[in-house]
Amino acid sequence: MFELNEILLLVVPLVLLHYGLAVYCIVDILRNGPKNLNRTAWILLVLLFQFFGSVAYLLAGRKGSANDQGSGDP
């Protein structure tokens, strides 16, 4: 069976990445503002639906993403 140390070595980095992603998204929302919805709605989504809210913000709500800049074609 797994020992507690082995489990902690697997879980702790994942938890840190998880919360780090949420903090990054919230800071980005507060600094740059989202391109759709409003700040309060995005912050609530990130906090309530932790991982999925953060990923949704990075894919759909972030200003200045590659989708916003266009490809240069008319």
C-alpha atoms as a PDB file:
ATOM      1  CA  MET A   1       0.000   0.000   0.000  1.00  0.00           C
ATOM      2  CA  PHE A   2       0.988   3.607  -0.407  1.00  0.00           C
ATOM      3  CA  GLU A   3       2.549   5.435   2.483  1.00  0.00           C
ATOM      4  CA  LEU A   4       1.395   8.880   3.518  1.00  0.00           C
ATOM      5  CA  ASN A   5       4.622  10.476   2.256  1.00  0.00           C
ATOM      6  CA  GLU A   6       4.160   9.016  -1.210  1.00  0.00           C
ATOM      7  CA  ILE A   7       0.574  10.242  -1.409  1.00  0.00           C
ATOM      8  CA  LEU A   8       1.555  13.721  -0.233  1.00  0.00           C
ATOM      9  CA  LEU A   9       4.326  13.887  -2.836  1.00  0.00           C
ATOM     10  CA  LEU A  10       1.705  13.250  -5.511  1.00  0.00           C
ATOM     11  CA  VAL A  11      -1.134  15.387  -4.181  1.00  0.00           C
ATOM     12  CA  VAL A  12       0.589  18.524  -2.882  1.00  0.00           C
ATOM     13  CA  PRO A  13       1.973  19.686  -6.267  1.00  0.00           C
ATOM     14  CA  LEU A  14      -1.424  19.154  -7.901  1.00  0.00           C
ATOM     15  CA  VAL A  15      -3.194  21.144  -5.194  1.00  0.00           C
ATOM     16  CA  LEU A  16      -0.646  23.962  -5.507  1.00  0.00           C
ATOM     17  CA  LEU A  17      -1.095  24.061  -9.287  1.00  0.00           C
ATOM     18  CA  HIS A  18      -4.862  24.024  -8.896  1.00  0.00           C
ATOM     19  CA  TYR A  19      -4.965  26.991  -6.528  1.00  0.00           C
ATOM     20  CA  GLY A  20      -2.182  28.770  -8.398  1.00  0.00           C
ATOM     21  CA  LEU A  21      -4.270  28.623 -11.575  1.00  0.00           C
ATOM     22  CA  ALA A  22      -7.279  30.078  -9.757  1.00  0.00           C
ATOM     23  CA  VAL A  23      -5.187  32.889  -8.262  1.00  0.00           C
ATOM     24  CA  TYR A  24      -3.625  33.642 -11.657  1.00  0.00           C
ATOM     25  CA  CYS A  25      -7.063  33.865 -13.272  1.00  0.00           C
ATOM     26  CA  ILE A  26      -8.462  36.125 -10.547  1.00  0.00           C
ATOM     27  CA  VAL A  27      -5.461  38.459 -10.736  1.00  0.00           C
ATOM     28  CA  ASP A  28      -5.743  38.562 -14.526  1.00  0.00           C
ATOM     29  CA  ILE A  29      -9.467  39.355 -14.282  1.00  0.00           C
ATOM     30  CA  LEU A  30      -8.806  42.201 -11.847  1.00  0.00           C
ATOM     31  CA  ARG A  31      -5.888  43.673 -13.828  1.00  0.00           C
ATOM     32  CA  ASN A  32      -7.011  43.313 -17.435  1.00  0.00           C
ATOM     33  CA  GLY A  33     -10.737  42.702 -17.262  1.00  0.00           C
ATOM     34  CA  PRO A  34     -12.503  39.975 -19.210  1.00  0.00           C
ATOM     35  CA  LYS A  35     -13.646  40.366 -22.823  1.00  0.00           C
ATOM     36  CA  ASN A  36     -17.162  39.093 -22.078  1.00  0.00           C
ATOM     37  CA  LEU A  37     -19.376  38.995 -18.984  1.00  0.00           C
ATOM     38  CA  ASN A  38     -18.165  41.209 -16.150  1.00  0.00           C
ATOM     39  CA  ARG A  39     -15.466  40.905 -13.542  1.00  0.00           C
ATOM     40  CA  THR A  40     -17.753  39.803 -10.739  1.00  0.00           C
ATOM     41  CA  ALA A  41     -19.323  37.033 -12.835  1.00  0.00           C
ATOM     42  CA  TRP A  42     -15.936  35.646 -13.920  1.00  0.00           C
ATOM     43  CA  ILE A  43     -14.537  35.748 -10.393  1.00  0.00           C
ATOM     44  CA  LEU A  44     -17.585  33.858  -9.115  1.00  0.00           C
ATOM     45  CA  LEU A  45     -17.217  31.279 -11.898  1.00  0.00           C
ATOM     46  CA  VAL A  46     -13.538  30.773 -11.094  1.00  0.00           C
ATOM     47  CA  LEU A  47     -14.249  30.416  -7.373  1.00  0.00           C
ATOM     48  CA  LEU A  48     -17.371  28.249  -7.600  1.00  0.00           C
ATOM     49  CA  PHE A  49     -16.266  25.946 -10.440  1.00  0.00           C
ATOM     50  CA  GLN A  50     -12.617  25.982  -9.536  1.00  0.00           C
ATOM     51  CA  PHE A  51     -10.729  24.085 -12.228  1.00  0.00           C
ATOM     52  CA  PHE A  52     -13.408  24.310 -14.929  1.00  0.00           C
ATOM     53  CA  GLY A  53     -14.067  27.992 -14.228  1.00  0.00           C
ATOM     54  CA  SER A  54     -10.371  28.799 -14.576  1.00  0.00           C
ATOM     55  CA  VAL A  55     -10.044  26.867 -17.812  1.00  0.00           C
ATOM     56  CA  ALA A  56     -13.229  28.471 -19.178  1.00  0.00           C
ATOM     57  CA  TYR A  57     -11.860  31.919 -18.379  1.00  0.00           C
ATOM     58  CA  LEU A  58      -8.530  31.191 -20.059  1.00  0.00           C
ATOM     59  CA  LEU A  59     -10.257  29.841 -23.172  1.00  0.00           C
ATOM     60  CA  ALA A  60     -13.224  32.195 -23.529  1.00  0.00           C
ATOM     61  CA  GLY A  61     -12.999  35.185 -21.247  1.00  0.00           C
ATOM     62  CA  ARG A  62      -9.460  36.466 -21.403  1.00  0.00           C
ATOM     63  CA  LYS A  63      -8.671  39.694 -23.261  1.00  0.00           C
ATOM     64  CA  GLY A  64      -5.756  39.711 -25.657  1.00  0.00           C
ATOM     65  CA  SER A  65      -5.845  36.028 -26.569  1.00  0.00           C
ATOM     66  CA  ALA A  66      -4.767  34.800 -29.989  1.00  0.00           C
ATOM     67  CA  ASN A  67      -8.421  34.723 -31.095  1.00  0.00           C
ATOM     68  CA  ASP A  68      -8.822  38.466 -30.453  1.00  0.00           C
ATOM     69  CA  GLN A  69      -5.786  39.527 -32.471  1.00  0.00           C
ATOM     70  CA  GLY A  70      -6.912  37.935 -35.714  1.00  0.00           C
ATOM     71  CA  SER A  71      -4.835  36.366 -38.445  1.00  0.00           C
ATOM     72  CA  GLY A  72      -4.486  39.502 -40.550  1.00  0.00           C
ATOM     73  CA  ASP A  73      -6.830  38.210 -43.260  1.00  0.00           C
ATOM     74  CA  PRO A  74      -9.778  40.446 -44.186  1.00  0.00           C
END
